[in-house]
C-alpha atoms as a PDB file:
ATOM      1  CA  MET A   1     189.666 157.420 123.056  1.00  0.00           C
ATOM      2  CA  LYS A   2     189.161 160.498 120.715  1.00  0.00           C
ATOM      3  CA  THR A   3     190.764 160.330 116.959  1.00  0.00           C
ATOM      4  CA  SER A   4     191.298 162.821 114.450  1.00  0.00           C
ATOM      5  CA  VAL A   5     191.709 162.122 110.782  1.00  0.00           C
ATOM      6  CA  TRP A   6     193.014 164.708 108.891  1.00  0.00           C
ATOM      7  CA  ALA A   7     192.944 165.144 105.199  1.00  0.00           C
ATOM      8  CA  VAL A   8     194.500 167.922 102.675  1.00  0.00           C
ATOM      9  CA  PRO A   9     193.717 170.676 102.453  1.00  0.00           C
ATOM     10  CA  THR A  10     192.255 172.251  98.769  1.00  0.00           C
ATOM     11  CA  ALA A  11     192.927 174.957  97.210  1.00  0.00           C
ATOM     12  CA  TYR A  12     189.578 176.633  95.038  1.00  0.00           C
ATOM     13  CA  ARG A  13     190.414 179.100  93.247  1.00  0.00           C
ATOM     14  CA  ILE A  14     186.203 180.872  92.421  1.00  0.00           C
ATOM     15  CA  LYS A  15     184.654 183.000  89.750  1.00  0.00           C
ATOM     16  CA  VAL A  16     181.604 185.167  90.757  1.00  0.00           C
ATOM     17  CA  ALA A  17     178.398 186.035  88.441  1.00  0.00           C
ATOM     18  CA  ALA A  18     174.615 187.593  89.310  1.00  0.00           C
ATOM     19  CA  VAL A  19     171.944 186.104  88.781  1.00  0.00           C
ATOM     20  CA  THR A  20     169.505 188.422  88.056  1.00  0.00           C
ATOM     21  CA  GLU A  21     165.499 188.508  85.908  1.00  0.00           C
ATOM     22  CA  ALA A  22     167.090 189.564  83.034  1.00  0.00           C
ATOM     23  CA  GLY A  23     169.630 185.908  83.469  1.00  0.00           C
ATOM     24  CA  VAL A  24     173.613 185.407  84.450  1.00  0.00           C
ATOM     25  CA  GLY A  25     175.874 188.477  84.461  1.00  0.00           C
ATOM     26  CA  ASP A  26     179.394 188.370  83.355  1.00  0.00           C
ATOM     27  CA  PHE A  27     181.905 186.123  85.890  1.00  0.00           C
ATOM     28  CA  SER A  28     184.565 186.944  87.327  1.00  0.00           C
ATOM     29  CA  ASP A  29     188.391 187.006  86.596  1.00  0.00           C
ATOM     30  CA  GLU A  30     189.063 183.603  88.726  1.00  0.00           C
ATOM     31  CA  SER A  31     190.329 184.411  92.710  1.00  0.00           C
ATOM     32  CA  GLU A  32     193.708 183.654  93.810  1.00  0.00           C
ATOM     33  CA  ALA A  33     193.360 180.622  95.636  1.00  0.00           C
ATOM     34  CA  VAL A  34     191.621 179.572  98.846  1.00  0.00           C
ATOM     35  CA  THR A  35     192.142 176.882 101.573  1.00  0.00           C
ATOM     36  CA  PRO A  36     189.079 176.356 103.698  1.00  0.00           C
ATOM     37  CA  PHE A  37     189.668 175.460 107.014  1.00  0.00           C
ATOM     38  CA  ALA A  38     188.768 173.114 109.805  1.00  0.00           C
ATOM     39  CA  ALA A  39     187.851 175.218 112.530  1.00  0.00           C
ATOM     40  CA  PRO A  40     188.885 174.154 116.048  1.00  0.00           C
ATOM     41  CA  GLU A  41     187.066 171.718 118.883  1.00  0.00           C
ATOM     42  CA  ALA A  42     185.681 172.862 121.484  1.00  0.00           C
ATOM     43  CA  VAL A  43     187.577 172.961 124.777  1.00  0.00           C
ATOM     44  CA  LYS A  44     187.595 169.811 126.442  1.00  0.00           C
ATOM     45  CA  ASP A  45     186.433 168.935 130.731  1.00  0.00           C
ATOM     46  CA  LEU A  46     184.671 172.168 131.214  1.00  0.00           C
ATOM     47  CA  VAL A  47     183.057 172.604 134.794  1.00  0.00           C
ATOM     48  CA  GLY A  48     181.962 175.415 136.392  1.00  0.00           C
ATOM     49  CA  THR A  49     181.769 176.206 139.850  1.00  0.00           C
ATOM     50  CA  ARG A  50     179.406 177.362 141.635  1.00  0.00           C
ATOM     51  CA  GLN A  51     180.247 179.492 145.226  1.00  0.00           C
ATOM     52  CA  ASP A  52     178.092 181.841 147.156  1.00  0.00           C
ATOM     53  CA  GLU A  53     178.347 184.700 144.612  1.00  0.00           C
ATOM     54  CA  LYS A  54     181.470 183.630 142.366  1.00  0.00           C
ATOM     55  CA  LEU A  55     181.855 180.558 139.607  1.00  0.00           C
ATOM     56  CA  LEU A  56     185.335 179.338 138.923  1.00  0.00           C
ATOM     57  CA  VAL A  57     185.196 178.028 135.353  1.00  0.00           C
ATOM     58  CA  THR A  58     187.924 174.812 134.313  1.00  0.00           C
ATOM     59  CA  TRP A  59     188.392 173.777 130.927  1.00  0.00           C
ATOM     60  CA  ASP A  60     191.377 172.253 129.352  1.00  0.00           C
ATOM     61  CA  ASP A  61     192.325 172.908 125.543  1.00  0.00           C
ATOM     62  CA  PRO A  62     191.456 171.172 122.405  1.00  0.00           C
ATOM     63  CA  GLU A  63     192.257 168.162 120.501  1.00  0.00           C
ATOM     64  CA  SER A  64     191.788 170.271 117.503  1.00  0.00           C
ATOM     65  CA  LEU A  65     193.056 173.507 116.838  1.00  0.00           C
ATOM     66  CA  GLY A  66     191.645 173.465 113.496  1.00  0.00           C
ATOM     67  CA  GLY A  67     194.980 173.843 112.094  1.00  0.00           C
ATOM     68  CA  GLY A  68     195.562 177.423 113.488  1.00  0.00           C
ATOM     69  CA  THR A  69     197.489 178.296 116.975  1.00  0.00           C
ATOM     70  CA  LEU A  70     195.467 179.022 120.007  1.00  0.00           C
ATOM     71  CA  VAL A  71     195.470 182.930 120.591  1.00  0.00           C
ATOM     72  CA  ARG A  72     192.822 183.116 122.937  1.00  0.00           C
ATOM     73  CA  TYR A  73     189.374 182.154 124.687  1.00  0.00           C
ATOM     74  CA  ASP A  74     186.122 184.205 125.028  1.00  0.00           C
ATOM     75  CA  LEU A  75     184.198 183.209 127.658  1.00  0.00           C
ATOM     76  CA  SER A  76     180.793 185.160 128.099  1.00  0.00           C
ATOM     77  CA  LEU A  77     177.597 184.759 130.760  1.00  0.00           C
ATOM     78  CA  ARG A  78     173.818 185.270 130.763  1.00  0.00           C
ATOM     79  CA  GLU A  79     171.423 184.976 133.347  1.00  0.00           C
ATOM     80  CA  LYS A  80     169.378 182.044 131.087  1.00  0.00           C
ATOM     81  CA  GLY A  81     167.632 182.368 128.904  1.00  0.00           C
ATOM     82  CA  GLY A  82     169.434 185.875 128.678  1.00  0.00           C
ATOM     83  CA  ASP A  83     171.732 187.450 126.529  1.00  0.00           C
ATOM     84  CA  PHE A  84     175.315 187.036 126.485  1.00  0.00           C
ATOM     85  CA  GLY A  85     177.401 190.203 127.962  1.00  0.00           C
ATOM     86  CA  ALA A  86     180.375 191.137 126.691  1.00  0.00           C
ATOM     87  CA  PRO A  87     183.612 188.683 126.047  1.00  0.00           C
ATOM     88  CA  VAL A  88     185.447 188.542 129.408  1.00  0.00           C
ATOM     89  CA  ALA A  89     189.338 187.307 126.964  1.00  0.00           C
ATOM     90  CA  VAL A  90     191.171 184.894 128.307  1.00  0.00           C
ATOM     91  CA  ASN A  91     194.698 184.621 126.857  1.00  0.00           C
ATOM     92  CA  THR A  92     197.451 182.316 127.143  1.00  0.00           C
ATOM     93  CA  ALA A  93     199.850 183.753 129.345  1.00  0.00           C
ATOM     94  CA  SER A  94     198.572 185.297 132.915  1.00  0.00           C
ATOM     95  CA  LEU A  95     196.662 188.263 132.674  1.00  0.00           C
ATOM     96  CA  GLY A  96     195.097 190.714 136.159  1.00  0.00           C
ATOM     97  CA  GLY A  97     191.919 189.323 136.903  1.00  0.00           C
ATOM     98  CA  VAL A  98     192.483 185.833 135.024  1.00  0.00           C
ATOM     99  CA  ARG A  99     193.680 182.734 136.641  1.00  0.00           C
ATOM    100  CA  LEU A 100     195.643 180.526 134.735  1.00  0.00           C
ATOM    101  CA  MET A 101     195.732 176.871 136.238  1.00  0.00           C
ATOM    102  CA  ALA A 102     199.029 175.764 136.752  1.00  0.00           C
ATOM    103  CA  ALA A 103     198.671 171.949 136.980  1.00  0.00           C
ATOM    104  CA  SER A 104     199.586 170.989 134.151  1.00  0.00           C
ATOM    105  CA  GLY A 105     200.157 172.982 130.552  1.00  0.00           C
ATOM    106  CA  THR A 106     196.100 172.855 129.079  1.00  0.00           C
ATOM    107  CA  SER A 107     194.190 173.285 131.961  1.00  0.00           C
ATOM    108  CA  ARG A 108     193.074 176.771 132.092  1.00  0.00           C
ATOM    109  CA  GLY A 109     190.481 179.015 134.110  1.00  0.00           C
ATOM    110  CA  HIS A 110     188.050 182.695 135.478  1.00  0.00           C
ATOM    111  CA  THR A 111     186.616 183.032 137.832  1.00  0.00           C
ATOM    112  CA  PHE A 112     183.536 185.049 137.513  1.00  0.00           C
ATOM    113  CA  THR A 113     182.135 187.255 140.195  1.00  0.00           C
ATOM    114  CA  GLY A 114     179.086 189.309 141.377  1.00  0.00           C
ATOM    115  CA  LEU A 115     176.514 186.395 140.617  1.00  0.00           C
ATOM    116  CA  ARG A 116     173.703 186.968 142.580  1.00  0.00           C
ATOM    117  CA  LYS A 117     172.181 184.079 144.949  1.00  0.00           C
ATOM    118  CA  GLY A 118     169.722 181.339 143.653  1.00  0.00           C
ATOM    119  CA  THR A 119     170.325 182.501 139.602  1.00  0.00           C
ATOM    120  CA  THR A 120     170.940 180.341 136.824  1.00  0.00           C
ATOM    121  CA  TYR A 121     173.769 181.507 134.602  1.00  0.00           C
ATOM    122  CA  GLU A 122     174.679 179.858 131.042  1.00  0.00           C
ATOM    123  CA  LEU A 123     178.043 179.613 130.038  1.00  0.00           C
ATOM    124  CA  LYS A 124     179.492 180.231 126.136  1.00  0.00           C
ATOM    125  CA  VAL A 125     182.724 179.991 125.556  1.00  0.00           C
ATOM    126  CA  VAL A 126     184.370 180.511 122.298  1.00  0.00           C
ATOM    127  CA  THR A 127     187.958 179.111 120.968  1.00  0.00           C
ATOM    128  CA  VAL A 128     189.724 182.152 118.996  1.00  0.00           C
ATOM    129  CA  THR A 129     192.758 180.714 117.004  1.00  0.00           C
ATOM    130  CA  ASN A 130     194.939 182.532 114.076  1.00  0.00           C
ATOM    131  CA  LEU A 131     192.468 181.418 111.505  1.00  0.00           C
ATOM    132  CA  SER A 132     188.808 181.269 113.185  1.00  0.00           C
ATOM    133  CA  SER A 133     186.749 180.665 116.278  1.00  0.00           C
ATOM    134  CA  ALA A 134     184.148 178.064 117.322  1.00  0.00           C
ATOM    135  CA  SER A 135     182.079 178.206 120.490  1.00  0.00           C
ATOM    136  CA  THR A 136     180.457 175.294 123.217  1.00  0.00           C
ATOM    137  CA  SER A 137     178.451 176.368 125.345  1.00  0.00           C
ATOM    138  CA  THR A 138     177.097 175.246 128.361  1.00  0.00           C
END
């Protein structure tokens, strides 16, 4: 069982200065407080099931979203070693063309179609929150 340890976020104020061959310039005014945040974890139990020219992908939501709230998942597919195409957005509510799995509140899924038989594909899943995004590929 994996447990998360949460630290209390610390707010930072920063100043910047240019560094050139002539030396260090004047520092800027201090910024407003900035609080860094943890990136969301990757999705869990990512499974791809190939069916002829289709690929059904299912996964469970990550345990931690790094303090943010889930906005969507961006799924990108490519032939092995190629370039990832434009991502397919899977929102947290049902959309046309996107099938959300109903077995539990955290399981999600999407079906890619038009794939070529005998071709190896790679998938990238990006978790997008209101604060950040993190990706994992398999």
